[in-house]
């Protein structure tokens, strides 16, 4: 489970890959909605890549699943990662200025540095790349080496000219429109999860894929 979290950003300390530049975090209020979601997150590591590393070879072709519960309002973005049994593995908070993170001792493997390598900040950044309005993302990436492009099936993140992430969104979300779960109408320029919606994030460099399925969604006051 800890290795699944580490691999969310494709920057695992167990793999001899350079850490990529940080993706800027976006203002929580810029989503323009007050939401709470519970999602199932499954990580599939490509055997052709990880088979070269005996430390994580047991993960080959064995999907790892955790629960993600996150909420956002004008005050901040809060994220919790849990085991399928409900044990809290990590909590992340970002109020638009300060990022804080906390990790459970359950994540400690044989190395006390494992928790230090879990990229909590990058987990929030990838979440925002899926859901925040495209104009907001473009505004905050313009002074960085990162670029987000619209594709025929969603969004793609580039580091300079190299594609790093391929984000497959529901068709209506590819253009950045929201999904109104009551009327199924387009109402804006950010992405709102519908129940049973599936998002896939493929890390091209690390050759792993996250499948995110929305289980519950609630509007917050």
N, C-alpha and C. Protein backbone atom coordinates (compact mmCIF):
# COMPACT_ATOMS: atom_id res chain seq x y z
N UNK A 1 0.83 -1.19 0.00
CA UNK A 1 0.00 0.00 0.00
C UNK A 1 0.87 1.24 0.00
N UNK A 2 1.95 1.22 0.78
CA UNK A 2 2.85 2.37 0.79
C UNK A 2 3.47 2.57 -0.58
N UNK A 3 3.84 1.48 -1.23
CA UNK A 3 4.43 1.60 -2.56
C UNK A 3 3.44 2.16 -3.56
N UNK A 4 2.16 1.86 -3.38
CA UNK A 4 1.15 2.43 -4.25
C UNK A 4 1.12 3.94 -4.12
N UNK A 5 1.19 4.43 -2.90
CA UNK A 5 1.17 5.88 -2.68
C UNK A 5 2.42 6.53 -3.24
N UNK A 6 3.56 5.90 -3.03
CA UNK A 6 4.81 6.44 -3.55
C UNK A 6 4.76 6.57 -5.07
N UNK A 7 4.15 5.59 -5.72
CA UNK A 7 4.14 5.56 -7.17
C UNK A 7 3.12 6.49 -7.79
N UNK A 8 2.28 7.14 -6.98
CA UNK A 8 1.27 8.03 -7.54
C UNK A 8 1.87 9.10 -8.42
N UNK A 9 3.04 9.59 -8.06
CA UNK A 9 3.66 10.65 -8.85
C UNK A 9 4.72 10.12 -9.79
N UNK A 10 5.05 8.84 -9.70
CA UNK A 10 6.12 8.30 -10.54
C UNK A 10 7.49 8.75 -10.11
N UNK A 11 7.65 9.09 -8.83
CA UNK A 11 8.94 9.58 -8.34
C UNK A 11 9.39 8.77 -7.15
N UNK A 12 9.24 7.47 -7.21
CA UNK A 12 9.58 6.63 -6.08
C UNK A 12 11.06 6.65 -5.78
N UNK A 13 11.36 6.72 -4.47
CA UNK A 13 12.76 6.67 -4.06
C UNK A 13 13.35 5.30 -4.29
N UNK A 14 12.49 4.28 -4.47
CA UNK A 14 12.99 2.93 -4.71
C UNK A 14 13.48 2.77 -6.13
N UNK A 15 13.15 3.72 -7.01
CA UNK A 15 13.57 3.64 -8.40
C UNK A 15 14.59 4.73 -8.68
N UNK A 16 15.57 4.45 -9.46
CA UNK A 16 16.65 5.38 -9.72
C UNK A 16 16.26 6.37 -10.82
N UNK A 17 15.21 7.14 -10.53
CA UNK A 17 14.72 8.14 -11.47
C UNK A 17 14.89 9.51 -10.82
N UNK A 18 15.31 10.53 -11.58
CA UNK A 18 15.42 11.87 -10.99
C UNK A 18 14.04 12.40 -10.65
N UNK A 19 13.96 13.14 -9.55
CA UNK A 19 12.69 13.77 -9.17
C UNK A 19 12.40 14.91 -10.12
N UNK A 20 11.19 14.94 -10.61
CA UNK A 20 10.80 15.96 -11.57
C UNK A 20 10.52 17.27 -10.86
N UNK A 21 10.55 18.39 -11.58
CA UNK A 21 10.20 19.67 -10.96
C UNK A 21 8.79 19.63 -10.39
N UNK A 22 8.58 20.37 -9.32
CA UNK A 22 7.28 20.38 -8.67
C UNK A 22 6.22 20.98 -9.59
N UNK A 23 5.05 20.37 -9.59
CA UNK A 23 3.90 20.93 -10.30
C UNK A 23 3.24 21.95 -9.37
N UNK A 24 3.02 23.17 -9.81
CA UNK A 24 2.42 24.17 -8.92
C UNK A 24 1.05 23.74 -8.40
N UNK A 25 0.82 23.98 -7.11
CA UNK A 25 -0.50 23.75 -6.55
C UNK A 25 -1.40 24.94 -6.88
N UNK A 26 -2.68 24.67 -7.04
CA UNK A 26 -3.65 25.67 -7.45
C UNK A 26 -4.49 26.12 -6.26
N UNK A 27 -4.99 27.34 -6.27
CA UNK A 27 -5.84 27.80 -5.16
C UNK A 27 -7.07 26.92 -5.02
N UNK A 28 -7.35 26.39 -3.84
CA UNK A 28 -8.54 25.56 -3.67
C UNK A 28 -9.82 26.26 -4.09
N UNK A 29 -9.94 27.54 -3.78
CA UNK A 29 -11.16 28.28 -4.10
C UNK A 29 -11.39 28.39 -5.60
N UNK A 30 -10.31 28.22 -6.41
CA UNK A 30 -10.43 28.37 -7.86
C UNK A 30 -11.25 27.26 -8.50
N UNK A 31 -11.50 26.17 -7.77
CA UNK A 31 -12.37 25.13 -8.33
C UNK A 31 -13.79 25.68 -8.53
N UNK A 32 -14.17 26.61 -7.67
CA UNK A 32 -15.48 27.22 -7.81
C UNK A 32 -16.62 26.39 -7.28
N UNK A 33 -16.32 25.33 -6.53
CA UNK A 33 -17.33 24.44 -5.98
C UNK A 33 -16.92 23.98 -4.60
N UNK A 34 -17.89 23.64 -3.76
CA UNK A 34 -17.65 23.06 -2.45
C UNK A 34 -18.08 21.60 -2.52
N UNK A 35 -17.12 20.68 -2.47
CA UNK A 35 -17.41 19.27 -2.72
C UNK A 35 -16.74 18.37 -1.71
N UNK A 36 -17.31 17.19 -1.54
CA UNK A 36 -16.63 16.10 -0.83
C UNK A 36 -16.84 14.83 -1.63
N UNK A 37 -15.74 14.13 -1.93
CA UNK A 37 -15.80 12.92 -2.73
C UNK A 37 -15.10 11.77 -2.05
N UNK A 38 -15.65 10.58 -2.23
CA UNK A 38 -14.98 9.34 -1.85
C UNK A 38 -14.71 8.57 -3.14
N UNK A 39 -13.46 8.16 -3.32
CA UNK A 39 -13.08 7.50 -4.57
C UNK A 39 -12.22 6.27 -4.30
N UNK A 40 -12.37 5.29 -5.16
CA UNK A 40 -11.51 4.12 -5.15
C UNK A 40 -10.36 4.38 -6.12
N UNK A 41 -9.13 4.19 -5.64
CA UNK A 41 -7.94 4.46 -6.45
C UNK A 41 -7.16 3.16 -6.61
N UNK A 42 -6.99 2.72 -7.85
CA UNK A 42 -6.25 1.49 -8.12
C UNK A 42 -5.01 1.81 -8.94
N UNK A 43 -3.88 1.31 -8.49
CA UNK A 43 -2.61 1.50 -9.17
C UNK A 43 -2.19 0.21 -9.86
N UNK A 44 -1.89 0.30 -11.15
CA UNK A 44 -1.34 -0.83 -11.91
C UNK A 44 0.04 -0.45 -12.37
N UNK A 45 1.06 -1.19 -11.90
CA UNK A 45 2.43 -0.94 -12.30
C UNK A 45 2.78 -1.83 -13.47
N UNK A 46 3.38 -1.26 -14.50
CA UNK A 46 3.73 -2.02 -15.69
C UNK A 46 4.87 -2.97 -15.39
N UNK A 47 4.66 -4.26 -15.66
CA UNK A 47 5.66 -5.26 -15.33
C UNK A 47 6.95 -5.07 -16.11
N UNK A 48 6.86 -4.58 -17.32
CA UNK A 48 8.05 -4.38 -18.13
C UNK A 48 9.00 -3.37 -17.54
N UNK A 49 8.45 -2.44 -16.73
CA UNK A 49 9.28 -1.42 -16.11
C UNK A 49 9.79 -1.88 -14.74
N UNK A 50 8.84 -2.28 -13.86
CA UNK A 50 9.25 -2.58 -12.50
C UNK A 50 9.98 -3.90 -12.39
N UNK A 51 9.88 -4.77 -13.40
CA UNK A 51 10.57 -6.04 -13.32
C UNK A 51 12.07 -5.89 -13.28
N UNK A 52 12.56 -4.69 -13.65
CA UNK A 52 13.99 -4.43 -13.61
C UNK A 52 14.46 -4.13 -12.19
N UNK A 53 13.52 -3.93 -11.26
CA UNK A 53 13.87 -3.56 -9.90
C UNK A 53 13.41 -4.66 -8.95
N UNK A 54 14.31 -5.47 -8.40
CA UNK A 54 13.91 -6.60 -7.56
C UNK A 54 13.19 -6.16 -6.30
N UNK A 55 13.37 -4.89 -5.87
CA UNK A 55 12.73 -4.43 -4.65
C UNK A 55 11.21 -4.32 -4.81
N UNK A 56 10.74 -4.06 -6.03
CA UNK A 56 9.30 -3.92 -6.22
C UNK A 56 8.74 -4.94 -7.20
N UNK A 57 9.56 -5.94 -7.56
CA UNK A 57 9.10 -6.96 -8.48
C UNK A 57 7.83 -7.67 -8.03
N UNK A 58 7.61 -7.88 -6.70
CA UNK A 58 6.36 -8.54 -6.31
C UNK A 58 5.11 -7.78 -6.69
N UNK A 59 5.23 -6.50 -7.05
CA UNK A 59 4.07 -5.71 -7.42
C UNK A 59 3.67 -5.89 -8.87
N UNK A 60 4.48 -6.60 -9.65
CA UNK A 60 4.20 -6.72 -11.07
C UNK A 60 2.82 -7.31 -11.31
N UNK A 61 2.03 -6.59 -12.13
CA UNK A 61 0.71 -7.04 -12.54
C UNK A 61 -0.24 -7.31 -11.38
N UNK A 62 0.06 -6.76 -10.19
CA UNK A 62 -0.82 -6.91 -9.05
C UNK A 62 -1.38 -5.53 -8.68
N UNK A 63 -2.59 -5.22 -9.11
CA UNK A 63 -3.15 -3.90 -8.80
C UNK A 63 -3.26 -3.68 -7.30
N UNK A 64 -2.99 -2.47 -6.87
CA UNK A 64 -3.10 -2.07 -5.48
C UNK A 64 -4.21 -1.02 -5.38
N UNK A 65 -5.07 -1.18 -4.37
CA UNK A 65 -6.23 -0.30 -4.26
C UNK A 65 -6.28 0.36 -2.89
N UNK A 66 -6.64 1.64 -2.87
CA UNK A 66 -6.87 2.36 -1.63
C UNK A 66 -8.08 3.25 -1.81
N UNK A 67 -8.55 3.82 -0.73
CA UNK A 67 -9.66 4.77 -0.77
C UNK A 67 -9.11 6.18 -0.60
N UNK A 68 -9.66 7.10 -1.34
CA UNK A 68 -9.31 8.51 -1.21
C UNK A 68 -10.57 9.28 -0.87
N UNK A 69 -10.49 10.07 0.20
CA UNK A 69 -11.60 10.94 0.59
C UNK A 69 -11.07 12.36 0.59
N UNK A 70 -11.66 13.22 -0.23
CA UNK A 70 -11.16 14.59 -0.26
C UNK A 70 -12.31 15.58 -0.36
N UNK A 71 -12.05 16.76 0.19
CA UNK A 71 -13.05 17.82 0.18
C UNK A 71 -12.36 19.13 -0.15
N UNK A 72 -13.13 20.05 -0.72
CA UNK A 72 -12.58 21.34 -1.10
C UNK A 72 -13.64 22.41 -0.89
N UNK A 73 -13.19 23.55 -0.38
CA UNK A 73 -14.03 24.74 -0.29
C UNK A 73 -13.12 25.95 -0.38
N UNK A 74 -13.63 27.11 -0.07
CA UNK A 74 -12.83 28.32 -0.21
C UNK A 74 -11.67 28.36 0.77
N UNK A 75 -11.79 27.62 1.88
CA UNK A 75 -10.73 27.63 2.88
C UNK A 75 -9.58 26.67 2.58
N UNK A 76 -9.85 25.63 1.80
CA UNK A 76 -8.75 24.72 1.53
C UNK A 76 -9.17 23.40 0.91
N UNK A 77 -8.16 22.61 0.59
CA UNK A 77 -8.30 21.27 0.03
C UNK A 77 -7.76 20.27 1.04
N UNK A 78 -8.58 19.29 1.41
CA UNK A 78 -8.20 18.28 2.40
C UNK A 78 -8.33 16.90 1.78
N UNK A 79 -7.31 16.08 1.97
CA UNK A 79 -7.25 14.76 1.34
C UNK A 79 -6.85 13.74 2.39
N UNK A 80 -7.52 12.58 2.37
CA UNK A 80 -7.14 11.46 3.23
C UNK A 80 -7.06 10.19 2.39
N UNK A 81 -5.97 9.45 2.55
CA UNK A 81 -5.83 8.16 1.90
C UNK A 81 -6.00 7.06 2.94
N UNK A 82 -6.86 6.09 2.65
CA UNK A 82 -7.19 5.03 3.60
C UNK A 82 -7.03 3.66 2.97
N UNK A 83 -6.81 2.66 3.82
CA UNK A 83 -6.84 1.29 3.35
C UNK A 83 -8.28 0.92 3.04
N UNK A 84 -8.52 -0.15 2.28
CA UNK A 84 -9.91 -0.59 2.04
C UNK A 84 -10.67 -0.86 3.33
N UNK A 85 -9.95 -1.15 4.43
CA UNK A 85 -10.60 -1.41 5.72
C UNK A 85 -10.87 -0.12 6.49
N UNK A 86 -10.40 1.01 5.97
CA UNK A 86 -10.71 2.28 6.60
C UNK A 86 -9.61 2.86 7.47
N UNK A 87 -8.44 2.24 7.53
CA UNK A 87 -7.34 2.78 8.32
C UNK A 87 -6.71 3.96 7.58
N UNK A 88 -6.51 5.06 8.29
CA UNK A 88 -5.96 6.26 7.67
C UNK A 88 -4.46 6.08 7.45
N UNK A 89 -4.03 6.23 6.21
CA UNK A 89 -2.62 6.11 5.85
C UNK A 89 -1.94 7.47 5.75
N UNK A 90 -2.69 8.47 5.30
CA UNK A 90 -2.09 9.77 5.11
C UNK A 90 -3.17 10.84 5.08
N UNK A 91 -2.80 12.05 5.49
CA UNK A 91 -3.67 13.20 5.35
C UNK A 91 -2.85 14.34 4.75
N UNK A 92 -3.48 15.08 3.83
CA UNK A 92 -2.84 16.19 3.15
C UNK A 92 -3.77 17.39 3.22
N UNK A 93 -3.20 18.57 3.45
CA UNK A 93 -4.01 19.79 3.48
C UNK A 93 -3.28 20.90 2.73
N UNK A 94 -4.07 21.71 2.01
CA UNK A 94 -3.51 22.88 1.33
C UNK A 94 -4.55 23.99 1.40
N UNK A 95 -4.14 25.13 1.97
CA UNK A 95 -5.08 26.24 2.14
C UNK A 95 -4.87 27.35 1.12
N UNK A 96 -4.07 27.09 0.12
CA UNK A 96 -3.75 28.10 -0.88
C UNK A 96 -2.41 28.74 -0.66
N UNK A 97 -1.86 28.56 0.55
CA UNK A 97 -0.54 29.10 0.89
C UNK A 97 0.35 28.01 1.48
N UNK A 98 -0.18 27.33 2.48
CA UNK A 98 0.60 26.33 3.20
C UNK A 98 0.13 24.92 2.88
N UNK A 99 1.10 24.03 2.64
CA UNK A 99 0.83 22.61 2.43
C UNK A 99 1.33 21.85 3.65
N UNK A 100 0.47 20.99 4.22
CA UNK A 100 0.88 20.16 5.34
C UNK A 100 0.53 18.71 5.04
N UNK A 101 1.27 17.78 5.63
CA UNK A 101 1.08 16.36 5.37
C UNK A 101 1.37 15.56 6.62
N UNK A 102 0.67 14.44 6.77
CA UNK A 102 0.87 13.55 7.90
C UNK A 102 0.71 12.11 7.42
N UNK A 103 1.57 11.20 7.92
CA UNK A 103 1.57 9.83 7.44
C UNK A 103 1.51 8.85 8.61
N UNK A 104 0.79 7.77 8.41
CA UNK A 104 0.63 6.74 9.43
C UNK A 104 1.88 5.88 9.54
N UNK A 105 2.18 5.38 10.75
CA UNK A 105 3.28 4.41 10.89
C UNK A 105 3.08 3.16 10.05
N UNK A 106 1.84 2.92 9.60
CA UNK A 106 1.59 1.77 8.73
C UNK A 106 2.38 1.85 7.43
N UNK A 107 2.78 3.06 7.07
CA UNK A 107 3.51 3.24 5.81
C UNK A 107 5.00 2.95 5.96
N UNK A 108 5.45 2.76 7.17
CA UNK A 108 6.87 2.45 7.38
C UNK A 108 7.13 1.01 6.97
N UNK A 109 8.04 0.85 6.01
CA UNK A 109 8.43 -0.50 5.61
C UNK A 109 9.70 -0.85 6.37
N UNK A 110 10.73 -1.25 5.70
CA UNK A 110 11.99 -1.58 6.37
C UNK A 110 12.92 -0.38 6.43
N UNK A 111 12.46 0.74 5.89
CA UNK A 111 13.32 1.91 5.78
C UNK A 111 12.58 3.12 6.31
N UNK A 112 13.15 3.81 7.29
CA UNK A 112 12.49 4.97 7.88
C UNK A 112 12.39 6.13 6.91
N UNK A 113 13.12 6.07 5.78
CA UNK A 113 13.05 7.14 4.79
C UNK A 113 11.90 6.96 3.81
N UNK A 114 11.17 5.84 3.93
CA UNK A 114 10.11 5.58 2.97
C UNK A 114 9.06 6.67 2.98
N UNK A 115 8.62 7.07 4.19
CA UNK A 115 7.59 8.09 4.28
C UNK A 115 8.06 9.39 3.65
N UNK A 116 9.36 9.72 3.82
CA UNK A 116 9.88 10.95 3.26
C UNK A 116 9.77 10.97 1.75
N UNK A 117 9.72 9.80 1.12
CA UNK A 117 9.68 9.73 -0.34
C UNK A 117 8.26 9.74 -0.89
N UNK A 118 7.25 9.70 -0.03
CA UNK A 118 5.87 9.72 -0.51
C UNK A 118 5.53 11.13 -0.94
N UNK A 119 5.17 11.32 -2.19
CA UNK A 119 5.00 12.66 -2.75
C UNK A 119 3.60 13.23 -2.52
N UNK A 120 3.27 13.54 -1.27
CA UNK A 120 1.94 14.03 -0.97
C UNK A 120 1.58 15.27 -1.75
N UNK A 121 2.51 16.19 -1.87
CA UNK A 121 2.24 17.42 -2.60
C UNK A 121 1.90 17.13 -4.06
N UNK A 122 2.59 16.17 -4.65
CA UNK A 122 2.35 15.83 -6.05
C UNK A 122 1.03 15.08 -6.23
N UNK A 123 0.60 14.37 -5.20
CA UNK A 123 -0.71 13.73 -5.25
C UNK A 123 -1.80 14.78 -5.38
N UNK A 124 -1.71 15.84 -4.57
CA UNK A 124 -2.70 16.92 -4.67
C UNK A 124 -2.60 17.62 -6.03
N UNK A 125 -1.39 17.80 -6.53
CA UNK A 125 -1.21 18.47 -7.81
C UNK A 125 -1.89 17.68 -8.94
N UNK A 126 -1.74 16.36 -8.93
CA UNK A 126 -2.37 15.54 -9.97
C UNK A 126 -3.89 15.57 -9.84
N UNK A 127 -4.38 15.59 -8.61
CA UNK A 127 -5.82 15.71 -8.39
C UNK A 127 -6.34 17.00 -9.01
N UNK A 128 -5.62 18.09 -8.80
CA UNK A 128 -6.06 19.37 -9.33
C UNK A 128 -5.97 19.40 -10.86
N UNK A 129 -5.00 18.73 -11.43
CA UNK A 129 -4.90 18.69 -12.90
C UNK A 129 -6.12 18.03 -13.53
N UNK A 130 -6.76 17.13 -12.79
CA UNK A 130 -7.95 16.46 -13.30
C UNK A 130 -9.20 17.31 -13.17
N UNK A 131 -9.31 18.07 -12.10
CA UNK A 131 -10.59 18.67 -11.74
C UNK A 131 -10.67 20.19 -11.86
N UNK A 132 -9.55 20.89 -11.74
CA UNK A 132 -9.63 22.35 -11.71
C UNK A 132 -9.85 22.91 -13.11
N UNK A 133 -10.42 24.11 -13.23
CA UNK A 133 -10.69 24.71 -14.55
C UNK A 133 -9.41 24.90 -15.36
N UNK A 134 -9.51 24.64 -16.64
CA UNK A 134 -8.34 24.75 -17.51
C UNK A 134 -7.69 26.14 -17.47
N UNK A 135 -8.45 27.23 -17.50
CA UNK A 135 -7.81 28.56 -17.47
C UNK A 135 -6.98 28.77 -16.20
N UNK A 136 -7.45 28.23 -15.07
CA UNK A 136 -6.71 28.36 -13.81
C UNK A 136 -5.41 27.57 -13.88
N UNK A 137 -5.50 26.35 -14.41
CA UNK A 137 -4.30 25.52 -14.54
C UNK A 137 -3.27 26.19 -15.44
N UNK A 138 -3.73 26.67 -16.59
CA UNK A 138 -2.80 27.31 -17.54
C UNK A 138 -2.15 28.54 -16.93
N UNK A 139 -2.92 29.31 -16.16
CA UNK A 139 -2.38 30.51 -15.54
C UNK A 139 -1.26 30.19 -14.56
N UNK A 140 -1.42 29.13 -13.79
CA UNK A 140 -0.43 28.80 -12.76
C UNK A 140 0.74 27.97 -13.31
N UNK A 141 0.60 27.43 -14.51
CA UNK A 141 1.71 26.69 -15.11
C UNK A 141 2.57 27.55 -16.03
N UNK A 142 2.09 28.74 -16.37
CA UNK A 142 2.76 29.53 -17.42
C UNK A 142 4.18 29.93 -17.07
N UNK A 143 4.51 30.05 -15.79
CA UNK A 143 5.87 30.42 -15.40
C UNK A 143 6.68 29.20 -14.93
N UNK A 144 6.22 28.02 -15.30
CA UNK A 144 6.90 26.78 -14.94
C UNK A 144 7.25 26.02 -16.21
N UNK A 145 8.04 24.95 -16.11
CA UNK A 145 8.34 24.14 -17.30
C UNK A 145 7.21 23.21 -17.70
N UNK A 146 6.10 23.22 -16.94
CA UNK A 146 4.98 22.33 -17.20
C UNK A 146 3.97 22.97 -18.13
N UNK A 147 3.32 22.14 -18.96
CA UNK A 147 2.25 22.61 -19.83
C UNK A 147 1.14 21.55 -19.85
N UNK A 148 -0.11 21.99 -19.79
CA UNK A 148 -1.24 21.08 -19.88
C UNK A 148 -1.95 21.31 -21.21
N UNK A 149 -2.17 20.22 -21.95
CA UNK A 149 -2.81 20.30 -23.25
C UNK A 149 -4.13 19.54 -23.23
N UNK A 150 -5.09 20.00 -24.02
CA UNK A 150 -6.35 19.29 -24.20
C UNK A 150 -6.14 18.21 -25.27
N UNK A 151 -6.66 17.02 -25.02
CA UNK A 151 -6.60 15.93 -26.00
C UNK A 151 -8.02 15.51 -26.35
N UNK A 152 -8.13 14.57 -27.27
CA UNK A 152 -9.47 14.13 -27.66
C UNK A 152 -10.14 13.29 -26.59
N UNK A 153 -9.39 12.88 -25.57
CA UNK A 153 -9.98 12.08 -24.51
C UNK A 153 -9.75 12.67 -23.11
N UNK A 154 -9.16 13.86 -23.03
CA UNK A 154 -8.95 14.45 -21.72
C UNK A 154 -7.88 15.52 -21.72
N UNK A 155 -6.82 15.29 -20.93
CA UNK A 155 -5.76 16.26 -20.77
C UNK A 155 -4.41 15.55 -20.77
N UNK A 156 -3.36 16.27 -21.14
CA UNK A 156 -2.01 15.70 -21.16
C UNK A 156 -1.06 16.71 -20.56
N UNK A 157 -0.19 16.24 -19.67
CA UNK A 157 0.78 17.12 -19.02
C UNK A 157 2.16 16.90 -19.63
N UNK A 158 2.79 18.01 -20.01
CA UNK A 158 4.12 17.95 -20.62
C UNK A 158 5.13 18.67 -19.74
N UNK A 159 6.33 18.13 -19.69
CA UNK A 159 7.49 18.81 -19.10
C UNK A 159 8.34 19.26 -20.27
N UNK A 160 8.31 20.56 -20.55
CA UNK A 160 8.88 21.08 -21.79
C UNK A 160 8.20 20.36 -22.97
N UNK A 161 8.92 19.57 -23.74
CA UNK A 161 8.32 18.89 -24.90
C UNK A 161 8.03 17.42 -24.65
N UNK A 162 8.30 16.95 -23.44
CA UNK A 162 8.11 15.53 -23.15
C UNK A 162 6.81 15.32 -22.39
N UNK A 163 5.96 14.44 -22.90
CA UNK A 163 4.71 14.15 -22.19
C UNK A 163 5.01 13.27 -20.99
N UNK A 164 4.44 13.64 -19.85
CA UNK A 164 4.64 12.91 -18.61
C UNK A 164 3.37 12.18 -18.19
N UNK A 165 2.23 12.87 -18.25
CA UNK A 165 0.96 12.28 -17.83
C UNK A 165 -0.05 12.31 -18.96
N UNK A 166 -0.81 11.24 -19.09
CA UNK A 166 -1.97 11.21 -19.97
C UNK A 166 -3.19 11.01 -19.07
N UNK A 167 -4.12 11.98 -19.09
CA UNK A 167 -5.29 11.96 -18.21
C UNK A 167 -6.53 11.71 -19.06
N UNK A 168 -7.13 10.56 -18.84
CA UNK A 168 -8.33 10.20 -19.61
C UNK A 168 -9.55 10.53 -18.75
N UNK A 169 -10.36 11.47 -19.24
CA UNK A 169 -11.53 11.94 -18.52
C UNK A 169 -12.81 11.52 -19.24
N UNK A 170 -13.96 11.56 -18.54
CA UNK A 170 -15.23 11.36 -19.25
C UNK A 170 -15.34 12.36 -20.39
N UNK A 171 -16.02 11.98 -21.44
CA UNK A 171 -16.03 12.78 -22.67
C UNK A 171 -16.39 14.23 -22.44
N UNK A 172 -17.39 14.49 -21.59
CA UNK A 172 -17.83 15.86 -21.37
C UNK A 172 -16.78 16.68 -20.65
N UNK A 173 -15.87 16.00 -19.92
CA UNK A 173 -14.86 16.69 -19.14
C UNK A 173 -13.63 17.04 -19.96
N UNK A 174 -13.48 16.44 -21.13
CA UNK A 174 -12.28 16.68 -21.93
C UNK A 174 -12.14 18.13 -22.34
N UNK A 175 -13.26 18.82 -22.48
CA UNK A 175 -13.23 20.23 -22.84
C UNK A 175 -13.25 21.13 -21.62
N UNK A 176 -13.26 20.51 -20.43
CA UNK A 176 -13.25 21.29 -19.20
C UNK A 176 -14.62 21.65 -18.69
N UNK A 177 -15.70 21.07 -19.24
CA UNK A 177 -17.04 21.41 -18.78
C UNK A 177 -17.41 20.61 -17.54
N UNK A 178 -18.23 21.16 -16.68
CA UNK A 178 -18.67 20.43 -15.51
C UNK A 178 -19.79 19.49 -15.85
N UNK A 179 -19.97 18.49 -15.02
CA UNK A 179 -21.07 17.55 -15.18
C UNK A 179 -22.04 17.78 -14.03
N UNK A 180 -23.23 18.21 -14.33
CA UNK A 180 -24.26 18.40 -13.32
C UNK A 180 -24.95 17.06 -13.13
N UNK A 181 -24.83 16.47 -11.95
CA UNK A 181 -25.34 15.12 -11.75
C UNK A 181 -26.86 15.08 -11.69
N UNK A 182 -27.49 16.22 -11.63
CA UNK A 182 -28.95 16.24 -11.62
C UNK A 182 -29.51 16.41 -13.02
N UNK A 183 -28.93 17.35 -13.76
CA UNK A 183 -29.49 17.67 -15.08
C UNK A 183 -28.63 17.17 -16.22
N UNK A 184 -27.43 16.68 -15.89
CA UNK A 184 -26.48 16.22 -16.92
C UNK A 184 -26.16 17.32 -17.90
N UNK A 185 -26.21 18.56 -17.44
CA UNK A 185 -25.94 19.70 -18.31
C UNK A 185 -24.55 20.24 -18.07
N UNK A 186 -23.98 20.90 -19.06
CA UNK A 186 -22.71 21.57 -18.87
C UNK A 186 -22.98 22.93 -18.25
N UNK A 187 -22.25 23.22 -17.16
CA UNK A 187 -22.54 24.43 -16.40
C UNK A 187 -21.32 25.29 -16.13
N UNK A 188 -20.15 24.93 -16.64
CA UNK A 188 -18.98 25.72 -16.32
C UNK A 188 -17.74 25.18 -16.96
N UNK A 189 -16.59 25.47 -16.34
CA UNK A 189 -15.34 25.08 -16.97
C UNK A 189 -14.43 24.28 -16.06
N UNK A 190 -14.95 23.71 -14.99
CA UNK A 190 -14.19 22.78 -14.18
C UNK A 190 -14.86 21.41 -14.27
N UNK A 191 -14.20 20.39 -13.75
CA UNK A 191 -14.68 19.02 -13.90
C UNK A 191 -15.26 18.54 -12.58
N UNK A 192 -16.51 18.13 -12.59
CA UNK A 192 -17.16 17.62 -11.39
C UNK A 192 -17.45 16.14 -11.57
N UNK A 193 -17.10 15.33 -10.57
CA UNK A 193 -17.30 13.89 -10.68
C UNK A 193 -18.76 13.51 -10.61
N UNK A 194 -19.17 12.67 -11.54
CA UNK A 194 -20.46 12.01 -11.45
C UNK A 194 -20.23 10.67 -10.75
N UNK A 195 -21.29 10.09 -10.17
CA UNK A 195 -21.13 8.80 -9.52
C UNK A 195 -20.75 7.75 -10.56
N UNK A 196 -19.83 6.88 -10.15
CA UNK A 196 -19.30 5.81 -11.00
C UNK A 196 -18.44 6.35 -12.15
N UNK A 197 -18.15 7.62 -12.13
CA UNK A 197 -17.25 8.17 -13.14
C UNK A 197 -15.86 7.56 -12.97
N UNK A 198 -15.18 7.30 -14.07
CA UNK A 198 -13.83 6.73 -14.03
C UNK A 198 -12.85 7.68 -14.71
N UNK A 199 -11.76 7.96 -14.03
CA UNK A 199 -10.67 8.75 -14.58
C UNK A 199 -9.42 7.88 -14.57
N UNK A 200 -8.66 7.91 -15.65
CA UNK A 200 -7.41 7.16 -15.73
C UNK A 200 -6.24 8.12 -15.92
N UNK A 201 -5.21 7.97 -15.09
CA UNK A 201 -4.00 8.78 -15.21
C UNK A 201 -2.84 7.84 -15.50
N UNK A 202 -2.25 7.98 -16.67
CA UNK A 202 -1.11 7.16 -17.04
C UNK A 202 0.16 7.98 -16.94
N UNK A 203 1.11 7.49 -16.15
CA UNK A 203 2.42 8.12 -16.06
C UNK A 203 3.31 7.46 -17.11
N UNK A 204 3.58 8.20 -18.16
CA UNK A 204 4.30 7.64 -19.31
C UNK A 204 5.74 7.33 -18.95
N UNK A 205 6.35 8.17 -18.13
CA UNK A 205 7.76 7.97 -17.77
C UNK A 205 7.92 6.72 -16.91
N UNK A 206 7.05 6.58 -15.88
CA UNK A 206 7.19 5.47 -14.95
C UNK A 206 6.36 4.25 -15.36
N UNK A 207 5.53 4.41 -16.40
CA UNK A 207 4.74 3.30 -16.92
C UNK A 207 3.83 2.68 -15.86
N UNK A 208 3.09 3.52 -15.19
CA UNK A 208 2.06 3.02 -14.30
C UNK A 208 0.76 3.77 -14.57
N UNK A 209 -0.33 3.21 -14.09
CA UNK A 209 -1.64 3.79 -14.37
C UNK A 209 -2.49 3.79 -13.11
N UNK A 210 -3.13 4.94 -12.86
CA UNK A 210 -4.09 5.08 -11.78
C UNK A 210 -5.48 5.08 -12.37
N UNK A 211 -6.36 4.28 -11.79
CA UNK A 211 -7.77 4.29 -12.16
C UNK A 211 -8.56 4.79 -10.96
N UNK A 212 -9.28 5.89 -11.15
CA UNK A 212 -10.00 6.55 -10.06
C UNK A 212 -11.49 6.46 -10.33
N UNK A 213 -12.21 5.81 -9.43
CA UNK A 213 -13.65 5.64 -9.58
C UNK A 213 -14.36 6.37 -8.45
N UNK A 214 -15.29 7.25 -8.78
CA UNK A 214 -16.02 8.00 -7.78
C UNK A 214 -17.11 7.12 -7.16
N UNK A 215 -17.08 7.02 -5.83
CA UNK A 215 -18.05 6.20 -5.11
C UNK A 215 -19.17 7.06 -4.51
N UNK A 216 -18.82 8.17 -3.92
CA UNK A 216 -19.82 9.09 -3.37
C UNK A 216 -19.40 10.53 -3.68
N UNK A 217 -20.38 11.37 -3.81
CA UNK A 217 -20.12 12.79 -4.08
C UNK A 217 -21.19 13.60 -3.37
N UNK A 218 -20.77 14.66 -2.68
CA UNK A 218 -21.72 15.50 -1.97
C UNK A 218 -21.35 16.96 -2.14
N UNK A 219 -22.37 17.80 -2.32
CA UNK A 219 -22.18 19.23 -2.36
C UNK A 219 -22.10 19.74 -0.92
N UNK A 220 -21.11 20.58 -0.64
CA UNK A 220 -20.96 21.14 0.70
C UNK A 220 -21.50 22.57 0.72
N UNK A 221 -21.97 23.02 1.89
CA UNK A 221 -22.47 24.40 1.97
C UNK A 221 -21.35 25.42 1.78
